[in-house]
């Protein structure tokens, strides 16, 4: 079952959804394009990504 972060508002901004029920990995998709492409991260890669988010302060996005 797909779920969106509890930090995501209902304003339709930049959000991803993940599916916790997929065996052996974590599927990720853009919540604004639910029938679009899905990336599947291995468990170790996903754990590393989450640890990086928790241990590093957020930086503003680069502007072009």
C-alpha atoms as a PDB file:
ATOM      1  CA  UNK A   1       0.000   0.000   0.000  1.00  0.00           C
ATOM      2  CA  UNK A   2       1.392   3.397  -0.986  1.00  0.00           C
ATOM      3  CA  UNK A   3       1.772   6.051   1.691  1.00  0.00           C
ATOM      4  CA  UNK A   4       2.911   9.651   1.744  1.00  0.00           C
ATOM      5  CA  UNK A   5       5.058  11.221   4.430  1.00  0.00           C
ATOM      6  CA  UNK A   6       3.178  12.544   7.440  1.00  0.00           C
ATOM      7  CA  UNK A   7       5.132  15.778   6.887  1.00  0.00           C
ATOM      8  CA  UNK A   8       3.481  16.262   3.492  1.00  0.00           C
ATOM      9  CA  UNK A   9       0.587  18.657   3.437  1.00  0.00           C
ATOM     10  CA  UNK A  10      -2.528  18.365   1.311  1.00  0.00           C
ATOM     11  CA  UNK A  11      -1.490  21.261  -0.930  1.00  0.00           C
ATOM     12  CA  UNK A  12      -0.147  19.007  -3.707  1.00  0.00           C
ATOM     13  CA  UNK A  13       3.492  20.054  -3.315  1.00  0.00           C
ATOM     14  CA  UNK A  14       6.639  18.013  -3.897  1.00  0.00           C
ATOM     15  CA  UNK A  15       5.965  14.634  -2.320  1.00  0.00           C
ATOM     16  CA  UNK A  16       7.031  11.074  -2.723  1.00  0.00           C
ATOM     17  CA  UNK A  17       5.165   7.956  -1.726  1.00  0.00           C
ATOM     18  CA  UNK A  18       6.634   4.647  -0.629  1.00  0.00           C
ATOM     19  CA  UNK A  19       5.224   1.130  -0.391  1.00  0.00           C
ATOM     20  CA  UNK A  20       6.301  -0.626   2.818  1.00  0.00           C
ATOM     21  CA  UNK A  21       4.796  -3.965   1.765  1.00  0.00           C
ATOM     22  CA  UNK A  22       7.148  -4.708  -1.158  1.00  0.00           C
ATOM     23  CA  UNK A  23       9.489  -7.634  -0.301  1.00  0.00           C
ATOM     24  CA  UNK A  24      13.222  -6.956  -0.564  1.00  0.00           C
ATOM     25  CA  UNK A  25      13.145  -3.259  -1.339  1.00  0.00           C
ATOM     26  CA  UNK A  26      11.360   0.064  -1.100  1.00  0.00           C
ATOM     27  CA  UNK A  27       9.398   1.303  -4.134  1.00  0.00           C
ATOM     28  CA  UNK A  28       9.264   5.101  -4.440  1.00  0.00           C
ATOM     29  CA  UNK A  29       7.058   7.185  -6.755  1.00  0.00           C
ATOM     30  CA  UNK A  30       6.027  10.799  -7.295  1.00  0.00           C
ATOM     31  CA  UNK A  31       2.693  11.346  -5.539  1.00  0.00           C
ATOM     32  CA  UNK A  32       1.590  13.728  -8.305  1.00  0.00           C
ATOM     33  CA  UNK A  33       2.080  10.992 -10.967  1.00  0.00           C
ATOM     34  CA  UNK A  34       0.739   7.814  -9.335  1.00  0.00           C
ATOM     35  CA  UNK A  35       0.752   5.831 -12.601  1.00  0.00           C
ATOM     36  CA  UNK A  36       4.219   7.051 -13.582  1.00  0.00           C
ATOM     37  CA  UNK A  37       7.598   5.384 -13.075  1.00  0.00           C
ATOM     38  CA  UNK A  38       8.597   3.715  -9.818  1.00  0.00           C
ATOM     39  CA  UNK A  39      12.145   3.451  -8.450  1.00  0.00           C
ATOM     40  CA  UNK A  40      12.894   0.458  -6.246  1.00  0.00           C
ATOM     41  CA  UNK A  41      15.686   0.885  -3.719  1.00  0.00           C
ATOM     42  CA  UNK A  42      17.308  -2.061  -1.971  1.00  0.00           C
ATOM     43  CA  UNK A  43      16.823  -2.176   1.788  1.00  0.00           C
ATOM     44  CA  UNK A  44      20.460  -1.213   2.522  1.00  0.00           C
ATOM     45  CA  UNK A  45      20.347   1.736   0.097  1.00  0.00           C
ATOM     46  CA  UNK A  46      17.069   2.986   1.593  1.00  0.00           C
ATOM     47  CA  UNK A  47      18.414   2.680   5.152  1.00  0.00           C
ATOM     48  CA  UNK A  48      21.500   4.662   4.146  1.00  0.00           C
ATOM     49  CA  UNK A  49      19.336   7.345   2.514  1.00  0.00           C
ATOM     50  CA  UNK A  50      17.159   7.716   5.628  1.00  0.00           C
ATOM     51  CA  UNK A  51      20.210   7.836   7.927  1.00  0.00           C
ATOM     52  CA  UNK A  52      21.633  10.600   5.718  1.00  0.00           C
ATOM     53  CA  UNK A  53      18.444  12.630   6.052  1.00  0.00           C
ATOM     54  CA  UNK A  54      18.444  12.276   9.812  1.00  0.00           C
ATOM     55  CA  UNK A  55      22.125  13.142  10.336  1.00  0.00           C
ATOM     56  CA  UNK A  56      22.549  16.019   7.846  1.00  0.00           C
ATOM     57  CA  UNK A  57      20.903  19.416   8.091  1.00  0.00           C
ATOM     58  CA  UNK A  58      18.672  20.417   5.206  1.00  0.00           C
ATOM     59  CA  UNK A  59      20.201  22.676   2.546  1.00  0.00           C
ATOM     60  CA  UNK A  60      18.228  24.953   0.245  1.00  0.00           C
ATOM     61  CA  UNK A  61      17.855  23.745  -3.328  1.00  0.00           C
ATOM     62  CA  UNK A  62      20.185  25.293  -5.887  1.00  0.00           C
ATOM     63  CA  UNK A  63      18.577  27.906  -8.112  1.00  0.00           C
ATOM     64  CA  UNK A  64      19.206  28.011 -11.828  1.00  0.00           C
END
